[in-house]
Amino acid sequence: MFNEEDTTRLQRARSLDTEVLAAIYDEYHPLIYRYIYRRVGEVEVAQDLAATVFQRFLQALDDGGGPERHLRAWLYRSAHNAVVDHYRRRQHRQHLPLKENLIDGGESPARQTEKEFAARLVREALRMLTPDQQQVIVLKFMEGLSNREVATILDKTEGAVKSLQHRALASLGRCLEDAEKRVVA
């Protein structure tokens, strides 16, 4: 997960080497965007927040900071913080997002609506979990990271990640059951 090449790449990034910065962006932007999109469910918001993560990365490097060893972990933490900030700001503004995919000839409107409804229920249930539990679920099951990688990102032991995962799945199951009961009622 960490090797000498990472150290060299981060040193070059600190000197604002555009070739290395472009390679880092090309490698990590799709991962960070996908992580954020799964948390917020809106294309435009995910694009903006992913851009914010890389803007923060460049600013941190320019200020002499940024990641020392674990670039991936630093970027995911920054993405998590951007999502948290987004939801804090959003609490003050209640509005529905415009759907960019209203016209999609691939699926029936009923099936597309069902999928969107299910995804919204899962996102809402995820928001009922603690921030650490949310991150474990998204990183482990949606991003496909190993327990070791999740532990590095969260700065926890693998045992703590396994415990968080167990509690998170149990809580998520209860939240989804409650949501299903409300829908049926």
C-alpha atoms as a PDB file:
ATOM      1  CA  MET A   1       0.000   0.000   0.000  1.00  0.00           C
ATOM      2  CA  PHE A   2       2.865   2.389   0.754  1.00  0.00           C
ATOM      3  CA  ASN A   3       6.210   2.265  -0.984  1.00  0.00           C
ATOM      4  CA  GLU A   4       9.253   4.319  -1.861  1.00  0.00           C
ATOM      5  CA  GLU A   5       7.663   5.434  -5.146  1.00  0.00           C
ATOM      6  CA  ASP A   6       4.845   7.105  -3.165  1.00  0.00           C
ATOM      7  CA  THR A   7       7.383   9.081  -1.136  1.00  0.00           C
ATOM      8  CA  THR A   8       9.131  10.286  -4.287  1.00  0.00           C
ATOM      9  CA  ARG A   9       5.840  11.197  -5.931  1.00  0.00           C
ATOM     10  CA  LEU A  10       4.709  13.216  -2.903  1.00  0.00           C
ATOM     11  CA  GLN A  11       8.060  15.024  -2.779  1.00  0.00           C
ATOM     12  CA  ARG A  12       7.677  15.977  -6.443  1.00  0.00           C
ATOM     13  CA  ALA A  13       4.064  17.016  -5.805  1.00  0.00           C
ATOM     14  CA  ARG A  14       5.237  19.283  -2.964  1.00  0.00           C
ATOM     15  CA  SER A  15       7.439  21.092  -5.464  1.00  0.00           C
ATOM     16  CA  LEU A  16       4.239  21.548  -7.543  1.00  0.00           C
ATOM     17  CA  ASP A  17       5.578  19.400 -10.391  1.00  0.00           C
ATOM     18  CA  THR A  18       2.723  19.663 -12.890  1.00  0.00           C
ATOM     19  CA  GLU A  19       3.441  16.258 -14.438  1.00  0.00           C
ATOM     20  CA  VAL A  20       3.122  14.507 -11.069  1.00  0.00           C
ATOM     21  CA  LEU A  21       0.111  16.586 -10.055  1.00  0.00           C
ATOM     22  CA  ALA A  22      -1.637  15.690 -13.315  1.00  0.00           C
ATOM     23  CA  ALA A  23      -0.866  11.989 -12.772  1.00  0.00           C
ATOM     24  CA  ILE A  24      -2.227  12.161  -9.206  1.00  0.00           C
ATOM     25  CA  TYR A  25      -5.370  13.895 -10.453  1.00  0.00           C
ATOM     26  CA  ASP A  26      -5.864  11.369 -13.267  1.00  0.00           C
ATOM     27  CA  GLU A  27      -5.435   8.454 -10.864  1.00  0.00           C
ATOM     28  CA  TYR A  28      -7.497   9.679  -7.926  1.00  0.00           C
ATOM     29  CA  HIS A  29     -10.157  11.989  -9.334  1.00  0.00           C
ATOM     30  CA  PRO A  30     -12.436   9.171 -10.578  1.00  0.00           C
ATOM     31  CA  LEU A  31     -12.209   7.434  -7.185  1.00  0.00           C
ATOM     32  CA  ILE A  32     -12.878  10.593  -5.182  1.00  0.00           C
ATOM     33  CA  TYR A  33     -15.715  11.675  -7.482  1.00  0.00           C
ATOM     34  CA  ARG A  34     -17.374   8.244  -7.232  1.00  0.00           C
ATOM     35  CA  TYR A  35     -17.015   8.241  -3.427  1.00  0.00           C
ATOM     36  CA  ILE A  36     -18.610  11.684  -3.180  1.00  0.00           C
ATOM     37  CA  TYR A  37     -21.343  10.887  -5.698  1.00  0.00           C
ATOM     38  CA  ARG A  38     -22.362   7.833  -3.685  1.00  0.00           C
ATOM     39  CA  ARG A  39     -22.684  10.027  -0.625  1.00  0.00           C
ATOM     40  CA  VAL A  40     -24.619  12.918  -2.195  1.00  0.00           C
ATOM     41  CA  GLY A  41     -26.370  11.347  -5.204  1.00  0.00           C
ATOM     42  CA  GLU A  42     -26.142  14.468  -7.368  1.00  0.00           C
ATOM     43  CA  VAL A  43     -23.797  14.728 -10.351  1.00  0.00           C
ATOM     44  CA  GLU A  44     -23.186  18.471 -10.218  1.00  0.00           C
ATOM     45  CA  VAL A  45     -22.655  18.527  -6.447  1.00  0.00           C
ATOM     46  CA  ALA A  46     -20.260  15.567  -6.668  1.00  0.00           C
ATOM     47  CA  GLN A  47     -18.298  17.332  -9.410  1.00  0.00           C
ATOM     48  CA  ASP A  48     -18.059  20.511  -7.343  1.00  0.00           C
ATOM     49  CA  LEU A  49     -17.016  18.691  -4.180  1.00  0.00           C
ATOM     50  CA  ALA A  50     -14.414  16.589  -5.999  1.00  0.00           C
ATOM     51  CA  ALA A  51     -12.967  19.799  -7.422  1.00  0.00           C
ATOM     52  CA  THR A  52     -12.908  21.213  -3.888  1.00  0.00           C
ATOM     53  CA  VAL A  53     -10.914  18.196  -2.657  1.00  0.00           C
ATOM     54  CA  PHE A  54      -8.225  18.715  -5.285  1.00  0.00           C
ATOM     55  CA  GLN A  55      -8.242  22.456  -4.732  1.00  0.00           C
ATOM     56  CA  ARG A  56      -7.625  21.810  -1.011  1.00  0.00           C
ATOM     57  CA  PHE A  57      -4.859  19.351  -1.931  1.00  0.00           C
ATOM     58  CA  LEU A  58      -3.084  21.939  -4.098  1.00  0.00           C
ATOM     59  CA  GLN A  59      -3.564  24.647  -1.481  1.00  0.00           C
ATOM     60  CA  ALA A  60      -2.168  22.368   1.232  1.00  0.00           C
ATOM     61  CA  LEU A  61       0.879  21.577  -0.908  1.00  0.00           C
ATOM     62  CA  ASP A  62       1.386  25.255  -1.709  1.00  0.00           C
ATOM     63  CA  ASP A  63       1.201  26.057   2.007  1.00  0.00           C
ATOM     64  CA  GLY A  64       3.838  23.396   2.755  1.00  0.00           C
ATOM     65  CA  GLY A  65       1.345  20.884   4.152  1.00  0.00           C
ATOM     66  CA  GLY A  66      -0.683  18.051   2.722  1.00  0.00           C
ATOM     67  CA  PRO A  67      -0.163  14.327   3.060  1.00  0.00           C
ATOM     68  CA  GLU A  68       3.133  13.053   4.404  1.00  0.00           C
ATOM     69  CA  ARG A  69       2.779   9.394   3.403  1.00  0.00           C
ATOM     70  CA  HIS A  70      -0.739   8.223   2.612  1.00  0.00           C
ATOM     71  CA  LEU A  71      -2.012  10.318  -0.283  1.00  0.00           C
ATOM     72  CA  ARG A  72      -5.098   8.157  -0.878  1.00  0.00           C
ATOM     73  CA  ALA A  73      -6.103   8.343   2.779  1.00  0.00           C
ATOM     74  CA  TRP A  74      -5.596  12.127   2.818  1.00  0.00           C
ATOM     75  CA  LEU A  75      -7.780  12.562  -0.270  1.00  0.00           C
ATOM     76  CA  TYR A  76     -10.583  10.355   1.085  1.00  0.00           C
ATOM     77  CA  ARG A  77     -10.537  12.198   4.423  1.00  0.00           C
ATOM     78  CA  SER A  78     -10.717  15.490   2.569  1.00  0.00           C
ATOM     79  CA  ALA A  79     -13.611  14.140   0.473  1.00  0.00           C
ATOM     80  CA  HIS A  80     -15.421  13.039   3.627  1.00  0.00           C
ATOM     81  CA  ASN A  81     -14.952  16.492   5.130  1.00  0.00           C
ATOM     82  CA  ALA A  82     -16.239  18.129   1.938  1.00  0.00           C
ATOM     83  CA  VAL A  83     -19.383  15.964   2.069  1.00  0.00           C
ATOM     84  CA  VAL A  84     -19.941  16.796   5.749  1.00  0.00           C
ATOM     85  CA  ASP A  85     -19.520  20.507   4.979  1.00  0.00           C
ATOM     86  CA  HIS A  86     -21.978  20.175   2.083  1.00  0.00           C
ATOM     87  CA  TYR A  87     -24.676  18.651   4.296  1.00  0.00           C
ATOM     88  CA  ARG A  88     -24.127  21.271   6.988  1.00  0.00           C
ATOM     89  CA  ARG A  89     -24.623  24.049   4.443  1.00  0.00           C
ATOM     90  CA  ARG A  90     -27.566  22.232   2.886  1.00  0.00           C
ATOM     91  CA  GLN A  91     -29.477  22.103   6.191  1.00  0.00           C
ATOM     92  CA  HIS A  92     -30.082  25.808   5.770  1.00  0.00           C
ATOM     93  CA  ARG A  93     -31.287  25.467   2.168  1.00  0.00           C
ATOM     94  CA  GLN A  94     -34.013  22.906   1.506  1.00  0.00           C
ATOM     95  CA  HIS A  95     -34.523  22.313  -2.189  1.00  0.00           C
ATOM     96  CA  LEU A  96     -34.852  19.396  -4.551  1.00  0.00           C
ATOM     97  CA  PRO A  97     -32.091  18.756  -7.113  1.00  0.00           C
ATOM     98  CA  LEU A  98     -32.878  18.822 -10.806  1.00  0.00           C
ATOM     99  CA  LYS A  99     -32.583  15.400 -12.403  1.00  0.00           C
ATOM    100  CA  GLU A 100     -30.174  15.441 -15.315  1.00  0.00           C
ATOM    101  CA  ASN A 101     -31.234  12.002 -16.482  1.00  0.00           C
ATOM    102  CA  LEU A 102     -34.971  12.561 -16.860  1.00  0.00           C
ATOM    103  CA  ILE A 103     -34.833  11.487 -20.497  1.00  0.00           C
ATOM    104  CA  ASP A 104     -33.151   8.094 -20.644  1.00  0.00           C
ATOM    105  CA  GLY A 105     -34.378   5.751 -23.334  1.00  0.00           C
ATOM    106  CA  GLY A 106     -32.764   2.704 -21.654  1.00  0.00           C
ATOM    107  CA  GLU A 107     -35.197   1.927 -18.825  1.00  0.00           C
ATOM    108  CA  SER A 108     -38.860   2.358 -18.207  1.00  0.00           C
ATOM    109  CA  PRO A 109     -39.771   5.399 -16.133  1.00  0.00           C
ATOM    110  CA  ALA A 110     -41.231   3.110 -13.450  1.00  0.00           C
ATOM    111  CA  ARG A 111     -38.009   1.064 -13.118  1.00  0.00           C
ATOM    112  CA  GLN A 112     -35.859   4.189 -13.117  1.00  0.00           C
ATOM    113  CA  THR A 113     -38.060   5.704 -10.395  1.00  0.00           C
ATOM    114  CA  GLU A 114     -37.797   2.536  -8.305  1.00  0.00           C
ATOM    115  CA  LYS A 115     -34.004   2.563  -8.556  1.00  0.00           C
ATOM    116  CA  GLU A 116     -33.797   6.261  -7.665  1.00  0.00           C
ATOM    117  CA  PHE A 117     -36.164   5.739  -4.727  1.00  0.00           C
ATOM    118  CA  ALA A 118     -34.116   2.789  -3.428  1.00  0.00           C
ATOM    119  CA  ALA A 119     -30.867   4.739  -3.776  1.00  0.00           C
ATOM    120  CA  ARG A 120     -32.392   7.691  -1.921  1.00  0.00           C
ATOM    121  CA  LEU A 121     -33.555   5.387   0.901  1.00  0.00           C
ATOM    122  CA  VAL A 122     -30.058   3.945   1.249  1.00  0.00           C
ATOM    123  CA  ARG A 123     -28.458   7.420   1.265  1.00  0.00           C
ATOM    124  CA  GLU A 124     -30.958   8.594   3.891  1.00  0.00           C
ATOM    125  CA  ALA A 125     -30.338   5.465   5.982  1.00  0.00           C
ATOM    126  CA  LEU A 126     -26.576   6.006   5.678  1.00  0.00           C
ATOM    127  CA  ARG A 127     -26.982   9.539   7.027  1.00  0.00           C
ATOM    128  CA  MET A 128     -28.531   8.061  10.183  1.00  0.00           C
ATOM    129  CA  LEU A 129     -25.230   6.325  10.986  1.00  0.00           C
ATOM    130  CA  THR A 130     -22.288   7.924  12.738  1.00  0.00           C
ATOM    131  CA  PRO A 131     -19.769   9.597  10.417  1.00  0.00           C
ATOM    132  CA  ASP A 132     -17.233   6.780  10.987  1.00  0.00           C
ATOM    133  CA  GLN A 133     -19.870   4.128  10.272  1.00  0.00           C
ATOM    134  CA  GLN A 134     -20.879   5.942   7.089  1.00  0.00           C
ATOM    135  CA  GLN A 135     -17.295   6.029   5.900  1.00  0.00           C
ATOM    136  CA  VAL A 136     -16.711   2.348   6.664  1.00  0.00           C
ATOM    137  CA  ILE A 137     -19.794   1.299   4.683  1.00  0.00           C
ATOM    138  CA  VAL A 138     -19.005   3.508   1.689  1.00  0.00           C
ATOM    139  CA  LEU A 139     -15.287   2.745   1.583  1.00  0.00           C
ATOM    140  CA  LYS A 140     -15.652  -0.989   2.182  1.00  0.00           C
ATOM    141  CA  PHE A 141     -18.715  -1.882   0.145  1.00  0.00           C
ATOM    142  CA  MET A 142     -19.109   0.870  -2.415  1.00  0.00           C
ATOM    143  CA  GLU A 143     -15.456   1.664  -3.063  1.00  0.00           C
ATOM    144  CA  GLY A 144     -14.290  -1.941  -2.551  1.00  0.00           C
ATOM    145  CA  LEU A 145     -11.367  -1.106  -0.277  1.00  0.00           C
ATOM    146  CA  SER A 146      -9.813  -3.641   2.066  1.00  0.00           C
ATOM    147  CA  ASN A 147     -10.079  -3.379   5.857  1.00  0.00           C
ATOM    148  CA  ARG A 148      -6.419  -2.357   5.940  1.00  0.00           C
ATOM    149  CA  GLU A 149      -7.011   0.488   3.458  1.00  0.00           C
ATOM    150  CA  VAL A 150     -10.105   1.648   5.349  1.00  0.00           C
ATOM    151  CA  ALA A 151      -8.122   1.536   8.604  1.00  0.00           C
ATOM    152  CA  THR A 152      -5.435   3.762   7.084  1.00  0.00           C
ATOM    153  CA  ILE A 153      -7.985   6.263   5.785  1.00  0.00           C
ATOM    154  CA  LEU A 154      -9.814   6.424   9.125  1.00  0.00           C
ATOM    155  CA  ASP A 155      -6.583   6.238  11.146  1.00  0.00           C
ATOM    156  CA  LYS A 156      -7.898   3.235  13.095  1.00  0.00           C
ATOM    157  CA  THR A 157      -6.844  -0.371  13.618  1.00  0.00           C
ATOM    158  CA  GLU A 158      -8.230  -3.121  11.395  1.00  0.00           C
ATOM    159  CA  GLY A 159     -10.033  -4.537  14.438  1.00  0.00           C
ATOM    160  CA  ALA A 160     -11.727  -1.202  15.045  1.00  0.00           C
ATOM    161  CA  VAL A 161     -12.780  -1.093  11.379  1.00  0.00           C
ATOM    162  CA  LYS A 162     -14.277  -4.601  11.614  1.00  0.00           C
ATOM    163  CA  SER A 163     -16.177  -3.615  14.736  1.00  0.00           C
ATOM    164  CA  LEU A 164     -17.409  -0.381  13.140  1.00  0.00           C
ATOM    165  CA  GLN A 165     -18.448  -2.327  10.050  1.00  0.00           C
ATOM    166  CA  HIS A 166     -20.442  -4.825  12.127  1.00  0.00           C
ATOM    167  CA  ARG A 167     -22.243  -2.080  14.071  1.00  0.00           C
ATOM    168  CA  ALA A 168     -22.799  -0.038  10.921  1.00  0.00           C
ATOM    169  CA  LEU A 169     -24.377  -2.920   9.024  1.00  0.00           C
ATOM    170  CA  ALA A 170     -26.670  -3.708  11.943  1.00  0.00           C
ATOM    171  CA  SER A 171     -27.716  -0.051  12.251  1.00  0.00           C
ATOM    172  CA  LEU A 172     -28.137   0.312   8.502  1.00  0.00           C
ATOM    173  CA  GLY A 173     -30.367  -2.759   8.447  1.00  0.00           C
ATOM    174  CA  ARG A 174     -32.553  -1.317  11.201  1.00  0.00           C
ATOM    175  CA  CYS A 175     -32.761   2.065   9.437  1.00  0.00           C
ATOM    176  CA  LEU A 176     -33.778   0.430   6.164  1.00  0.00           C
ATOM    177  CA  GLU A 177     -36.402  -1.711   7.930  1.00  0.00           C
ATOM    178  CA  ASP A 178     -37.860   1.411   9.566  1.00  0.00           C
ATOM    179  CA  ALA A 179     -37.874   3.228   6.214  1.00  0.00           C
ATOM    180  CA  GLU A 180     -39.613   0.288   4.564  1.00  0.00           C
ATOM    181  CA  LYS A 181     -42.267   0.240   7.282  1.00  0.00           C
ATOM    182  CA  ARG A 182     -42.906   3.968   6.750  1.00  0.00           C
ATOM    183  CA  VAL A 183     -43.251   3.465   2.993  1.00  0.00           C
ATOM    184  CA  VAL A 184     -45.687   0.538   3.369  1.00  0.00           C
ATOM    185  CA  ALA A 185     -47.781   2.297   6.030  1.00  0.00           C
END
